[in-house]
């Protein structure tokens, strides 16, 4: 039987992979790779990002879609993606819209990145705790 934390982890990877794929693909087509690391980005449904941001989202989406076949890979992707997107989201608030901002994002995009990152970390942690308690329970019953 597939536990709820495991289903949540897989659902996170599917949801994030889909959202990031659409967001990245539409953003790349709208941005036309002009001003690749510009300070002002291209808006997609109110979420603004430079073509670099959209390309990063597209690459991560393809990676998330690719790891769905393996639970261990999905678990690792949730941890790495969770940390990465949390840092990436916080980076917008740290850099602001100054000349150091090469991602051209607005606060909505940063909040979306934070939500993706934090939910990835929660899904990873929840599944990890569940799998550890499951393995301890199995060892106790058979031993």
Protein backbone atom coordinates (compact mmCIF):
# COMPACT_ATOMS: atom_id res chain seq x y z
CA UNK A 1 0.00 0.00 0.00
CA UNK A 2 1.28 3.46 -0.90
CA UNK A 3 1.30 5.73 2.13
CA UNK A 4 0.02 9.29 2.14
CA UNK A 5 3.50 10.86 2.57
CA UNK A 6 4.79 8.89 -0.42
CA UNK A 7 1.80 9.99 -2.53
CA UNK A 8 2.39 13.59 -1.39
CA UNK A 9 6.04 13.40 -2.48
CA UNK A 10 5.10 12.09 -5.92
CA UNK A 11 2.29 14.65 -6.23
CA UNK A 12 4.73 17.44 -5.36
CA UNK A 13 7.11 16.34 -8.12
CA UNK A 14 4.26 16.10 -10.65
CA UNK A 15 2.72 19.43 -9.68
CA UNK A 16 6.00 21.32 -9.60
CA UNK A 17 7.22 19.68 -12.79
CA UNK A 18 4.03 20.69 -14.59
CA UNK A 19 3.88 24.25 -13.28
CA UNK A 20 7.56 24.91 -13.92
CA UNK A 21 7.39 23.35 -17.39
CA UNK A 22 4.50 25.56 -18.47
CA UNK A 23 5.97 28.64 -16.81
CA UNK A 24 9.43 28.04 -18.30
CA UNK A 25 8.23 27.19 -21.80
CA UNK A 26 5.83 30.11 -22.11
CA UNK A 27 8.42 32.47 -20.61
CA UNK A 28 11.08 31.39 -23.09
CA UNK A 29 8.73 31.85 -26.04
CA UNK A 30 7.62 35.26 -24.78
CA UNK A 31 11.16 36.40 -23.98
CA UNK A 32 12.77 35.27 -27.26
CA UNK A 33 16.13 35.05 -25.43
CA UNK A 34 16.50 38.82 -25.63
CA UNK A 35 18.36 40.39 -22.72
CA UNK A 36 19.08 36.92 -21.33
CA UNK A 37 20.17 38.12 -17.89
CA UNK A 38 18.23 41.37 -17.83
CA UNK A 39 17.05 43.20 -14.75
CA UNK A 40 13.53 43.42 -16.12
CA UNK A 41 11.95 40.17 -17.11
CA UNK A 42 9.06 38.94 -19.19
CA UNK A 43 5.71 38.60 -17.47
CA UNK A 44 3.83 35.31 -17.65
CA UNK A 45 0.48 35.45 -15.86
CA UNK A 46 1.83 38.13 -13.53
CA UNK A 47 5.03 36.22 -12.73
CA UNK A 48 8.05 38.01 -14.13
CA UNK A 49 11.42 36.51 -14.94
CA UNK A 50 14.30 36.89 -17.37
CA UNK A 51 14.87 34.22 -20.04
CA UNK A 52 17.56 32.81 -17.72
CA UNK A 53 14.96 32.32 -14.99
CA UNK A 54 12.56 30.67 -17.43
CA UNK A 55 15.32 28.40 -18.74
CA UNK A 56 16.22 27.35 -15.18
CA UNK A 57 12.57 26.59 -14.46
CA UNK A 58 12.30 24.55 -17.66
CA UNK A 59 15.43 22.50 -16.88
CA UNK A 60 14.24 21.78 -13.33
CA UNK A 61 10.80 20.81 -14.66
CA UNK A 62 12.30 18.32 -17.09
CA UNK A 63 14.46 16.89 -14.30
CA UNK A 64 11.42 16.51 -12.01
CA UNK A 65 9.46 14.77 -14.74
CA UNK A 66 12.42 12.47 -15.43
CA UNK A 67 12.81 11.30 -11.81
CA UNK A 68 9.19 10.27 -11.32
CA UNK A 69 9.99 6.63 -12.11
CA UNK A 70 12.15 6.13 -9.03
CA UNK A 71 11.14 6.83 -5.45
CA UNK A 72 14.74 7.39 -4.33
CA UNK A 73 15.36 9.84 -7.18
CA UNK A 74 12.09 11.66 -6.44
CA UNK A 75 13.08 11.90 -2.79
CA UNK A 76 16.49 13.32 -3.72
CA UNK A 77 14.89 15.75 -6.19
CA UNK A 78 12.55 17.00 -3.46
CA UNK A 79 15.47 17.64 -1.12
CA UNK A 80 17.72 19.27 -3.72
CA UNK A 81 14.85 21.17 -5.35
CA UNK A 82 13.52 22.23 -1.96
CA UNK A 83 16.83 23.68 -0.86
CA UNK A 84 17.53 25.19 -4.28
CA UNK A 85 14.17 26.87 -4.73
CA UNK A 86 14.11 28.15 -1.16
CA UNK A 87 17.49 29.80 -1.66
CA UNK A 88 16.48 31.00 -5.15
CA UNK A 89 13.30 32.55 -3.75
CA UNK A 90 15.11 34.24 -0.87
CA UNK A 91 17.71 35.58 -3.30
CA UNK A 92 15.12 37.90 -4.84
CA UNK A 93 14.44 39.50 -1.46
CA UNK A 94 18.16 39.76 -0.68
CA UNK A 95 19.19 41.27 -4.03
CA UNK A 96 16.07 43.29 -4.74
CA UNK A 97 15.79 44.81 -8.18
CA UNK A 98 19.30 46.25 -8.26
CA UNK A 99 22.02 45.76 -10.82
CA UNK A 100 23.12 42.46 -9.18
CA UNK A 101 19.76 40.85 -10.03
CA UNK A 102 20.38 38.82 -13.20
CA UNK A 103 17.12 36.90 -12.90
CA UNK A 104 14.71 39.80 -13.53
CA UNK A 105 12.08 38.38 -11.17
CA UNK A 106 9.34 40.11 -9.29
CA UNK A 107 8.18 39.24 -5.78
CA UNK A 108 5.38 36.99 -7.08
CA UNK A 109 7.91 34.76 -8.81
CA UNK A 110 10.08 34.73 -5.68
CA UNK A 111 7.09 33.71 -3.56
CA UNK A 112 6.24 30.95 -6.07
CA UNK A 113 9.84 29.72 -5.83
CA UNK A 114 9.65 29.81 -2.03
CA UNK A 115 6.38 27.85 -2.02
CA UNK A 116 7.86 25.23 -4.35
CA UNK A 117 11.02 24.99 -2.25
CA UNK A 118 9.36 24.82 1.14
CA UNK A 119 6.68 22.33 0.06
CA UNK A 120 9.43 20.19 -1.48
CA UNK A 121 11.30 20.16 1.82
CA UNK A 122 8.11 19.31 3.73
CA UNK A 123 7.25 16.48 1.30
CA UNK A 124 10.80 15.12 1.53
CA UNK A 125 10.85 15.28 5.33
CA UNK A 126 7.36 13.76 5.72
CA UNK A 127 8.16 10.85 3.40
CA UNK A 128 11.53 10.32 5.09
CA UNK A 129 9.98 10.15 8.58
CA UNK A 130 7.28 7.80 7.30
CA UNK A 131 9.73 5.46 5.56
CA UNK A 132 11.93 5.29 8.68
CA UNK A 133 9.01 4.47 10.96
CA UNK A 134 7.76 1.93 8.41
CA UNK A 135 11.14 0.19 8.29
CA UNK A 136 11.40 0.14 12.10
CA UNK A 137 7.89 -1.28 12.40
CA UNK A 138 8.66 -4.03 9.89
CA UNK A 139 11.90 -4.96 11.66
CA UNK A 140 10.09 -5.18 15.00
CA UNK A 141 7.32 -7.40 13.65
CA UNK A 142 9.64 -9.85 11.89
CA UNK A 143 12.37 -9.89 14.57
